PDB file of all heavy atoms in Angstrom:
ATOM      1  N   TYR A   1      -8.931  -9.383   7.525  1.00  0.00           N
ATOM      2  CA  TYR A   1      -8.310  -9.160   6.225  1.00  0.00           C
ATOM      3  C   TYR A   1      -7.087  -8.278   6.342  1.00  0.00           C
ATOM      4  O   TYR A   1      -7.015  -7.390   7.190  1.00  0.00           O
ATOM      5  CB  TYR A   1      -9.290  -8.481   5.259  1.00  0.00           C
ATOM      6  CG  TYR A   1     -10.328  -9.407   4.674  1.00  0.00           C
ATOM      7  CD1 TYR A   1     -11.502  -9.671   5.358  1.00  0.00           C
ATOM      8  CD2 TYR A   1     -10.122 -10.001   3.436  1.00  0.00           C
ATOM      9  CE1 TYR A   1     -12.450 -10.524   4.826  1.00  0.00           C
ATOM     10  CE2 TYR A   1     -11.064 -10.844   2.897  1.00  0.00           C
ATOM     11  CZ  TYR A   1     -12.234 -11.104   3.592  1.00  0.00           C
ATOM     12  OH  TYR A   1     -13.180 -11.940   3.058  1.00  0.00           O
ATOM     13  N   THR A   2      -6.138  -8.531   5.471  1.00  0.00           N
ATOM     14  CA  THR A   2      -5.113  -7.554   5.194  1.00  0.00           C
ATOM     15  C   THR A   2      -5.743  -6.387   4.435  1.00  0.00           C
ATOM     16  O   THR A   2      -6.511  -6.595   3.496  1.00  0.00           O
ATOM     17  CB  THR A   2      -3.985  -8.184   4.361  1.00  0.00           C
ATOM     18  OG1 THR A   2      -3.230  -9.069   5.181  1.00  0.00           O
ATOM     19  CG2 THR A   2      -3.066  -7.130   3.777  1.00  0.00           C
ATOM     20  N   MET A   3      -5.433  -5.175   4.849  1.00  0.00           N
ATOM     21  CA  MET A   3      -5.995  -3.980   4.224  1.00  0.00           C
ATOM     22  C   MET A   3      -4.868  -3.109   3.690  1.00  0.00           C
ATOM     23  O   MET A   3      -3.900  -2.833   4.399  1.00  0.00           O
ATOM     24  CB  MET A   3      -6.831  -3.187   5.221  1.00  0.00           C
ATOM     25  CG  MET A   3      -8.021  -3.955   5.789  1.00  0.00           C
ATOM     26  SD  MET A   3      -9.239  -4.404   4.514  1.00  0.00           S
ATOM     27  CE  MET A   3      -9.753  -2.786   3.938  1.00  0.00           C
ATOM     28  N   GLY A   4      -5.020  -2.694   2.442  1.00  0.00           N
ATOM     29  CA  GLY A   4      -4.001  -1.897   1.795  1.00  0.00           C
ATOM     30  C   GLY A   4      -4.557  -0.649   1.157  1.00  0.00           C
ATOM     31  O   GLY A   4      -5.749  -0.559   0.841  1.00  0.00           O
ATOM     32  N   TRP A   5      -3.676   0.320   0.968  1.00  0.00           N
ATOM     33  CA  TRP A   5      -3.984   1.547   0.237  1.00  0.00           C
ATOM     34  C   TRP A   5      -3.091   1.619  -0.994  1.00  0.00           C
ATOM     35  O   TRP A   5      -1.872   1.393  -0.904  1.00  0.00           O
ATOM     36  CB  TRP A   5      -3.770   2.794   1.096  1.00  0.00           C
ATOM     37  CG  TRP A   5      -4.821   3.015   2.136  1.00  0.00           C
ATOM     38  CD1 TRP A   5      -4.780   2.649   3.440  1.00  0.00           C
ATOM     39  CD2 TRP A   5      -6.077   3.675   1.937  1.00  0.00           C
ATOM     40  NE1 TRP A   5      -5.935   3.040   4.079  1.00  0.00           N
ATOM     41  CE2 TRP A   5      -6.745   3.662   3.181  1.00  0.00           C
ATOM     42  CE3 TRP A   5      -6.701   4.264   0.844  1.00  0.00           C
ATOM     43  CZ2 TRP A   5      -8.004   4.225   3.347  1.00  0.00           C
ATOM     44  CZ3 TRP A   5      -7.959   4.822   1.010  1.00  0.00           C
ATOM     45  CH2 TRP A   5      -8.592   4.800   2.239  1.00  0.00           C
ATOM     46  N   PHE A   6      -3.703   1.932  -2.128  1.00  0.00           N
ATOM     47  CA  PHE A   6      -3.018   2.125  -3.393  1.00  0.00           C
ATOM     48  C   PHE A   6      -3.458   3.452  -3.981  1.00  0.00           C
ATOM     49  O   PHE A   6      -4.484   4.007  -3.594  1.00  0.00           O
ATOM     50  CB  PHE A   6      -3.329   0.986  -4.370  1.00  0.00           C
ATOM     51  CG  PHE A   6      -2.732  -0.341  -3.981  1.00  0.00           C
ATOM     52  CD1 PHE A   6      -3.223  -1.060  -2.911  1.00  0.00           C
ATOM     53  CD2 PHE A   6      -1.673  -0.872  -4.708  1.00  0.00           C
ATOM     54  CE1 PHE A   6      -2.685  -2.284  -2.554  1.00  0.00           C
ATOM     55  CE2 PHE A   6      -1.123  -2.099  -4.369  1.00  0.00           C
ATOM     56  CZ  PHE A   6      -1.620  -2.806  -3.293  1.00  0.00           C
ATOM     57  N   ARG A   7      -2.688   3.943  -4.951  1.00  0.00           N
ATOM     58  CA  ARG A   7      -3.074   5.176  -5.636  1.00  0.00           C
ATOM     59  C   ARG A   7      -2.762   5.051  -7.121  1.00  0.00           C
ATOM     60  O   ARG A   7      -1.905   4.282  -7.540  1.00  0.00           O
ATOM     61  CB  ARG A   7      -2.377   6.399  -5.036  1.00  0.00           C
ATOM     62  CG  ARG A   7      -0.865   6.399  -5.161  1.00  0.00           C
ATOM     63  CD  ARG A   7      -0.268   7.534  -4.336  1.00  0.00           C
ATOM     64  NE  ARG A   7       1.178   7.583  -4.443  1.00  0.00           N
ATOM     65  CZ  ARG A   7       1.959   8.374  -3.722  1.00  0.00           C
ATOM     66  NH1 ARG A   7       1.422   9.202  -2.830  1.00  0.00           N
ATOM     67  NH2 ARG A   7       3.270   8.350  -3.886  1.00  0.00           N
ATOM     68  N   GLN A   8      -3.475   5.849  -7.911  1.00  0.00           N
ATOM     69  CA  GLN A   8      -3.346   5.762  -9.349  1.00  0.00           C
ATOM     70  C   GLN A   8      -3.577   7.132  -9.977  1.00  0.00           C
ATOM     71  O   GLN A   8      -4.485   7.861  -9.583  1.00  0.00           O
ATOM     72  CB  GLN A   8      -4.349   4.758  -9.912  1.00  0.00           C
ATOM     73  CG  GLN A   8      -4.156   4.427 -11.372  1.00  0.00           C
ATOM     74  CD  GLN A   8      -5.000   3.243 -11.798  1.00  0.00           C
ATOM     75  OE1 GLN A   8      -6.017   2.940 -11.181  1.00  0.00           O
ATOM     76  NE2 GLN A   8      -4.579   2.562 -12.845  1.00  0.00           N
ATOM     77  N   VAL A   9      -2.740   7.464 -10.962  1.00  0.00           N
ATOM     78  CA  VAL A   9      -2.911   8.669 -11.755  1.00  0.00           C
ATOM     79  C   VAL A   9      -3.181   8.247 -13.190  1.00  0.00           C
ATOM     80  O   VAL A   9      -2.824   7.131 -13.598  1.00  0.00           O
ATOM     81  CB  VAL A   9      -1.684   9.596 -11.671  1.00  0.00           C
ATOM     82  CG1 VAL A   9      -1.456  10.051 -10.240  1.00  0.00           C
ATOM     83  CG2 VAL A   9      -0.440   8.898 -12.205  1.00  0.00           C
ATOM     84  N   PRO A  10      -3.799   9.106 -14.011  1.00  0.00           N
ATOM     85  CA  PRO A  10      -4.112   8.721 -15.382  1.00  0.00           C
ATOM     86  C   PRO A  10      -2.883   8.281 -16.161  1.00  0.00           C
ATOM     87  O   PRO A  10      -1.830   8.930 -16.100  1.00  0.00           O
ATOM     88  CB  PRO A  10      -4.719   9.994 -15.977  1.00  0.00           C
ATOM     89  CG  PRO A  10      -5.299  10.705 -14.803  1.00  0.00           C
ATOM     90  CD  PRO A  10      -4.357  10.424 -13.667  1.00  0.00           C
ATOM     91  N   GLY A  11      -3.014   7.172 -16.867  1.00  0.00           N
ATOM     92  CA  GLY A  11      -1.935   6.658 -17.690  1.00  0.00           C
ATOM     93  C   GLY A  11      -0.868   5.871 -16.953  1.00  0.00           C
ATOM     94  O   GLY A  11       0.099   5.435 -17.582  1.00  0.00           O
ATOM     95  N   LYS A  12      -1.026   5.667 -15.648  1.00  0.00           N
ATOM     96  CA  LYS A  12      -0.038   4.946 -14.856  1.00  0.00           C
ATOM     97  C   LYS A  12      -0.688   3.746 -14.181  1.00  0.00           C
ATOM     98  O   LYS A  12      -1.908   3.691 -14.006  1.00  0.00           O
ATOM     99  CB  LYS A  12       0.584   5.854 -13.797  1.00  0.00           C
ATOM    100  CG  LYS A  12       1.201   7.124 -14.342  1.00  0.00           C
ATOM    101  CD  LYS A  12       2.628   6.901 -14.791  1.00  0.00           C
ATOM    102  CE  LYS A  12       3.588   7.168 -13.665  1.00  0.00           C
ATOM    103  NZ  LYS A  12       5.001   7.074 -14.101  1.00  0.00           N
ATOM    104  N   GLU A  13       0.149   2.794 -13.796  1.00  0.00           N
ATOM    105  CA  GLU A  13      -0.334   1.631 -13.067  1.00  0.00           C
ATOM    106  C   GLU A  13      -0.704   2.015 -11.643  1.00  0.00           C
ATOM    107  O   GLU A  13      -0.176   2.981 -11.080  1.00  0.00           O
ATOM    108  CB  GLU A  13       0.738   0.541 -13.045  1.00  0.00           C
ATOM    109  CG  GLU A  13       1.110  -0.020 -14.403  1.00  0.00           C
ATOM    110  CD  GLU A  13      -0.014  -0.818 -15.012  1.00  0.00           C
ATOM    111  OE1 GLU A  13      -0.752  -1.484 -14.255  1.00  0.00           O
ATOM    112  OE2 GLU A  13      -0.164  -0.775 -16.237  1.00  0.00           O
ATOM    113  N   ARG A  14      -1.622   1.249 -11.088  1.00  0.00           N
ATOM    114  CA  ARG A  14      -1.971   1.450  -9.694  1.00  0.00           C
ATOM    115  C   ARG A  14      -0.762   1.132  -8.816  1.00  0.00           C
ATOM    116  O   ARG A  14      -0.138   0.083  -8.953  1.00  0.00           O
ATOM    117  CB  ARG A  14      -3.164   0.571  -9.315  1.00  0.00           C
ATOM    118  CG  ARG A  14      -3.780   0.920  -7.967  1.00  0.00           C
ATOM    119  CD  ARG A  14      -5.139   0.244  -7.781  1.00  0.00           C
ATOM    120  NE  ARG A  14      -6.117   0.731  -8.734  1.00  0.00           N
ATOM    121  CZ  ARG A  14      -7.409   0.412  -8.708  1.00  0.00           C
ATOM    122  NH1 ARG A  14      -7.870  -0.393  -7.769  1.00  0.00           N
ATOM    123  NH2 ARG A  14      -8.226   0.896  -9.633  1.00  0.00           N
ATOM    124  N   GLU A  15      -0.440   2.042  -7.902  1.00  0.00           N
ATOM    125  CA  GLU A  15       0.791   2.007  -7.139  1.00  0.00           C
ATOM    126  C   GLU A  15       0.510   1.695  -5.673  1.00  0.00           C
ATOM    127  O   GLU A  15      -0.385   2.281  -5.055  1.00  0.00           O
ATOM    128  CB  GLU A  15       1.514   3.357  -7.250  1.00  0.00           C
ATOM    129  CG  GLU A  15       2.763   3.485  -6.397  1.00  0.00           C
ATOM    130  CD  GLU A  15       3.266   4.912  -6.300  1.00  0.00           C
ATOM    131  OE1 GLU A  15       2.451   5.847  -6.477  1.00  0.00           O
ATOM    132  OE2 GLU A  15       4.470   5.100  -6.059  1.00  0.00           O
ATOM    133  N   PHE A  16       1.307   0.809  -5.119  1.00  0.00           N
ATOM    134  CA  PHE A  16       1.218   0.499  -3.702  1.00  0.00           C
ATOM    135  C   PHE A  16       1.596   1.705  -2.861  1.00  0.00           C
ATOM    136  O   PHE A  16       2.565   2.406  -3.160  1.00  0.00           O
ATOM    137  CB  PHE A  16       2.145  -0.674  -3.369  1.00  0.00           C
ATOM    138  CG  PHE A  16       2.371  -0.870  -1.900  1.00  0.00           C
ATOM    139  CD1 PHE A  16       1.394  -1.432  -1.101  1.00  0.00           C
ATOM    140  CD2 PHE A  16       3.563  -0.484  -1.318  1.00  0.00           C
ATOM    141  CE1 PHE A  16       1.595  -1.610   0.256  1.00  0.00           C
ATOM    142  CE2 PHE A  16       3.780  -0.661   0.037  1.00  0.00           C
ATOM    143  CZ  PHE A  16       2.787  -1.227   0.816  1.00  0.00           C
ATOM    144  N   VAL A  17       0.846   1.933  -1.782  1.00  0.00           N
ATOM    145  CA  VAL A  17       1.126   3.018  -0.849  1.00  0.00           C
ATOM    146  C   VAL A  17       1.420   2.482   0.552  1.00  0.00           C
ATOM    147  O   VAL A  17       2.470   2.757   1.124  1.00  0.00           O
ATOM    148  CB  VAL A  17      -0.026   4.030  -0.786  1.00  0.00           C
ATOM    149  CG1 VAL A  17       0.260   5.111   0.257  1.00  0.00           C
ATOM    150  CG2 VAL A  17      -0.258   4.660  -2.156  1.00  0.00           C
ATOM    151  N   ALA A  18       0.491   1.725   1.111  1.00  0.00           N
ATOM    152  CA  ALA A  18       0.630   1.248   2.485  1.00  0.00           C
ATOM    153  C   ALA A  18      -0.228   0.014   2.678  1.00  0.00           C
ATOM    154  O   ALA A  18      -1.250  -0.156   2.013  1.00  0.00           O
ATOM    155  CB  ALA A  18       0.225   2.325   3.490  1.00  0.00           C
ATOM    156  N   VAL A  19       0.166  -0.846   3.616  1.00  0.00           N
ATOM    157  CA  VAL A  19      -0.606  -2.042   3.922  1.00  0.00           C
ATOM    158  C   VAL A  19      -0.472  -2.381   5.397  1.00  0.00           C
ATOM    159  O   VAL A  19       0.602  -2.200   5.992  1.00  0.00           O
ATOM    160  CB  VAL A  19      -0.180  -3.236   3.036  1.00  0.00           C
ATOM    161  CG1 VAL A  19       1.274  -3.631   3.280  1.00  0.00           C
ATOM    162  CG2 VAL A  19      -1.105  -4.429   3.245  1.00  0.00           C
ATOM    163  N   ASP A  20      -1.552  -2.861   5.972  1.00  0.00           N
ATOM    164  CA  ASP A  20      -1.584  -3.417   7.314  1.00  0.00           C
ATOM    165  C   ASP A  20      -1.945  -4.883   7.154  1.00  0.00           C
ATOM    166  O   ASP A  20      -3.093  -5.212   6.868  1.00  0.00           O
ATOM    167  CB  ASP A  20      -2.600  -2.681   8.187  1.00  0.00           C
ATOM    168  CG  ASP A  20      -2.662  -3.203   9.608  1.00  0.00           C
ATOM    169  OD1 ASP A  20      -1.815  -4.023  10.003  1.00  0.00           O
ATOM    170  OD2 ASP A  20      -3.577  -2.782  10.344  1.00  0.00           O
ATOM    171  N   THR A  21      -0.968  -5.761   7.322  1.00  0.00           N
ATOM    172  CA  THR A  21      -1.184  -7.184   7.083  1.00  0.00           C
ATOM    173  C   THR A  21      -1.916  -7.819   8.253  1.00  0.00           C
ATOM    174  O   THR A  21      -1.569  -7.599   9.417  1.00  0.00           O
ATOM    175  CB  THR A  21       0.139  -7.911   6.844  1.00  0.00           C
ATOM    176  OG1 THR A  21       0.979  -7.789   7.995  1.00  0.00           O
ATOM    177  CG2 THR A  21       0.859  -7.345   5.631  1.00  0.00           C
ATOM    178  N   TRP A  22      -2.932  -8.624   7.936  1.00  0.00           N
ATOM    179  CA  TRP A  22      -3.697  -9.286   8.981  1.00  0.00           C
ATOM    180  C   TRP A  22      -2.914 -10.413   9.611  1.00  0.00           C
ATOM    181  O   TRP A  22      -3.006 -10.633  10.820  1.00  0.00           O
ATOM    182  CB  TRP A  22      -4.996  -9.831   8.380  1.00  0.00           C
ATOM    183  CG  TRP A  22      -5.762 -10.665   9.345  1.00  0.00           C
ATOM    184  CD1 TRP A  22      -6.604 -10.231  10.326  1.00  0.00           C
ATOM    185  CD2 TRP A  22      -5.752 -12.096   9.433  1.00  0.00           C
ATOM    186  NE1 TRP A  22      -7.121 -11.300  11.028  1.00  0.00           N
ATOM    187  CE2 TRP A  22      -6.617 -12.455  10.496  1.00  0.00           C
ATOM    188  CE3 TRP A  22      -5.111 -13.100   8.715  1.00  0.00           C
ATOM    189  CZ2 TRP A  22      -6.837 -13.784  10.855  1.00  0.00           C
ATOM    190  CZ3 TRP A  22      -5.335 -14.420   9.077  1.00  0.00           C
ATOM    191  CH2 TRP A  22      -6.190 -14.745  10.128  1.00  0.00           C
ATOM    192  N   SER A  23      -2.146 -11.159   8.822  1.00  0.00           N
ATOM    193  CA  SER A  23      -1.529 -12.387   9.283  1.00  0.00           C
ATOM    194  C   SER A  23      -0.577 -12.167  10.451  1.00  0.00           C
ATOM    195  O   SER A  23      -0.538 -12.960  11.390  1.00  0.00           O
ATOM    196  CB  SER A  23      -0.798 -13.080   8.136  1.00  0.00           C
ATOM    197  OG  SER A  23       0.188 -12.239   7.569  1.00  0.00           O
ATOM    198  N   ARG A  24       0.201 -11.099  10.412  1.00  0.00           N
ATOM    199  CA  ARG A  24       1.178 -10.828  11.463  1.00  0.00           C
ATOM    200  C   ARG A  24       1.030  -9.450  12.086  1.00  0.00           C
ATOM    201  O   ARG A  24       1.742  -9.129  13.037  1.00  0.00           O
ATOM    202  CB  ARG A  24       2.603 -10.992  10.929  1.00  0.00           C
ATOM    203  CG  ARG A  24       2.930 -12.380  10.416  1.00  0.00           C
ATOM    204  CD  ARG A  24       4.409 -12.654  10.493  1.00  0.00           C
ATOM    205  NE  ARG A  24       5.188 -11.666   9.774  1.00  0.00           N
ATOM    206  CZ  ARG A  24       6.463 -11.387  10.018  1.00  0.00           C
ATOM    207  NH1 ARG A  24       7.103 -12.036  10.984  1.00  0.00           N
ATOM    208  NH2 ARG A  24       7.099 -10.475   9.308  1.00  0.00           N
ATOM    209  N   GLY A  25       0.141  -8.628  11.568  1.00  0.00           N
ATOM    210  CA  GLY A  25      -0.017  -7.286  12.080  1.00  0.00           C
ATOM    211  C   GLY A  25       1.087  -6.327  11.695  1.00  0.00           C
ATOM    212  O   GLY A  25       1.240  -5.272  12.326  1.00  0.00           O
ATOM    213  N   ASP A  26       1.861  -6.670  10.676  1.00  0.00           N
ATOM    214  CA  ASP A  26       2.936  -5.793  10.206  1.00  0.00           C
ATOM    215  C   ASP A  26       2.389  -4.749   9.244  1.00  0.00           C
ATOM    216  O   ASP A  26       1.413  -4.984   8.538  1.00  0.00           O
ATOM    217  CB  ASP A  26       4.020  -6.603   9.508  1.00  0.00           C
ATOM    218  CG  ASP A  26       4.733  -7.565  10.439  1.00  0.00           C
ATOM    219  OD1 ASP A  26       4.852  -7.248  11.645  1.00  0.00           O
ATOM    220  OD2 ASP A  26       5.172  -8.630   9.975  1.00  0.00           O
ATOM    221  N   THR A  27       3.048  -3.608   9.209  1.00  0.00           N
ATOM    222  CA  THR A  27       2.718  -2.561   8.259  1.00  0.00           C
ATOM    223  C   THR A  27       3.902  -2.292   7.345  1.00  0.00           C
ATOM    224  O   THR A  27       5.062  -2.399   7.756  1.00  0.00           O
ATOM    225  CB  THR A  27       2.299  -1.256   8.958  1.00  0.00           C
ATOM    226  OG1 THR A  27       3.376  -0.808   9.798  1.00  0.00           O
ATOM    227  CG2 THR A  27       1.065  -1.482   9.810  1.00  0.00           C
ATOM    228  N   TYR A  28       3.601  -1.937   6.100  1.00  0.00           N
ATOM    229  CA  TYR A  28       4.619  -1.614   5.109  1.00  0.00           C
ATOM    230  C   TYR A  28       4.187  -0.370   4.355  1.00  0.00           C
ATOM    231  O   TYR A  28       2.994  -0.137   4.151  1.00  0.00           O
ATOM    232  CB  TYR A  28       4.831  -2.768   4.128  1.00  0.00           C
ATOM    233  CG  TYR A  28       5.198  -4.079   4.772  1.00  0.00           C
ATOM    234  CD1 TYR A  28       4.240  -5.046   5.018  1.00  0.00           C
ATOM    235  CD2 TYR A  28       6.511  -4.349   5.133  1.00  0.00           C
ATOM    236  CE1 TYR A  28       4.565  -6.251   5.613  1.00  0.00           C
ATOM    237  CE2 TYR A  28       6.857  -5.554   5.733  1.00  0.00           C
ATOM    238  CZ  TYR A  28       5.880  -6.500   5.970  1.00  0.00           C
ATOM    239  OH  TYR A  28       6.219  -7.692   6.559  1.00  0.00           O
ATOM    240  N   TYR A  29       5.171   0.410   3.917  1.00  0.00           N
ATOM    241  CA  TYR A  29       4.923   1.634   3.178  1.00  0.00           C
ATOM    242  C   TYR A  29       5.870   1.726   1.998  1.00  0.00           C
ATOM    243  O   TYR A  29       7.015   1.262   2.067  1.00  0.00           O
ATOM    244  CB  TYR A  29       5.132   2.872   4.058  1.00  0.00           C
ATOM    245  CG  TYR A  29       4.232   2.932   5.262  1.00  0.00           C
ATOM    246  CD1 TYR A  29       4.606   2.345   6.460  1.00  0.00           C
ATOM    247  CD2 TYR A  29       3.003   3.585   5.199  1.00  0.00           C
ATOM    248  CE1 TYR A  29       3.777   2.397   7.570  1.00  0.00           C
ATOM    249  CE2 TYR A  29       2.173   3.647   6.304  1.00  0.00           C
ATOM    250  CZ  TYR A  29       2.565   3.053   7.485  1.00  0.00           C
ATOM    251  OH  TYR A  29       1.746   3.109   8.584  1.00  0.00           O
ATOM    252  N   THR A  30       5.389   2.325   0.929  1.00  0.00           N
ATOM    253  CA  THR A  30       6.289   2.643  -0.154  1.00  0.00           C
ATOM    254  C   THR A  30       7.236   3.754   0.302  1.00  0.00           C
ATOM    255  O   THR A  30       6.889   4.583   1.151  1.00  0.00           O
ATOM    256  CB  THR A  30       5.511   3.053  -1.415  1.00  0.00           C
ATOM    257  OG1 THR A  30       6.387   3.095  -2.535  1.00  0.00           O
ATOM    258  CG2 THR A  30       4.855   4.411  -1.244  1.00  0.00           C
ATOM    259  N   ASP A  31       8.444   3.757  -0.239  1.00  0.00           N
ATOM    260  CA  ASP A  31       9.482   4.662   0.251  1.00  0.00           C
ATOM    261  C   ASP A  31       9.070   6.129   0.174  1.00  0.00           C
ATOM    262  O   ASP A  31       9.436   6.926   1.043  1.00  0.00           O
ATOM    263  CB  ASP A  31      10.779   4.452  -0.531  1.00  0.00           C
ATOM    264  CG  ASP A  31      11.489   3.169  -0.169  1.00  0.00           C
ATOM    265  OD1 ASP A  31      11.173   2.587   0.890  1.00  0.00           O
ATOM    266  OD2 ASP A  31      12.372   2.744  -0.936  1.00  0.00           O
ATOM    267  N   SER A  32       8.324   6.501  -0.840  1.00  0.00           N
ATOM    268  CA  SER A  32       8.003   7.902  -1.049  1.00  0.00           C
ATOM    269  C   SER A  32       7.060   8.480   0.007  1.00  0.00           C
ATOM    270  O   SER A  32       6.966   9.702   0.140  1.00  0.00           O
ATOM    271  CB  SER A  32       7.404   8.113  -2.441  1.00  0.00           C
ATOM    272  OG  SER A  32       6.178   7.421  -2.576  1.00  0.00           O
ATOM    273  N   VAL A  33       6.363   7.632   0.765  1.00  0.00           N
ATOM    274  CA  VAL A  33       5.437   8.121   1.785  1.00  0.00           C
ATOM    275  C   VAL A  33       5.881   7.773   3.191  1.00  0.00           C
ATOM    276  O   VAL A  33       5.248   8.212   4.160  1.00  0.00           O
ATOM    277  CB  VAL A  33       4.005   7.605   1.555  1.00  0.00           C
ATOM    278  CG1 VAL A  33       3.559   7.870   0.127  1.00  0.00           C
ATOM    279  CG2 VAL A  33       3.891   6.119   1.892  1.00  0.00           C
ATOM    280  N   LYS A  34       6.943   7.005   3.326  1.00  0.00           N
ATOM    281  CA  LYS A  34       7.407   6.567   4.638  1.00  0.00           C
ATOM    282  C   LYS A  34       7.744   7.771   5.510  1.00  0.00           C
ATOM    283  O   LYS A  34       8.443   8.688   5.084  1.00  0.00           O
ATOM    284  CB  LYS A  34       8.617   5.651   4.481  1.00  0.00           C
ATOM    285  CG  LYS A  34       8.932   4.810   5.695  1.00  0.00           C
ATOM    286  CD  LYS A  34      10.002   3.764   5.366  1.00  0.00           C
ATOM    287  CE  LYS A  34       9.516   2.779   4.319  1.00  0.00           C
ATOM    288  NZ  LYS A  34      10.526   1.718   4.033  1.00  0.00           N
TER     289      LYS A  34
END
């Protein structure tokens, strides 16, 4: 599986943080945590 991390604060949408894609083994990060 592709596995991802998201975060959420009250009153806000769940936000992407980081992902490790299964298909190609690539990783991606949101700019604020890179």
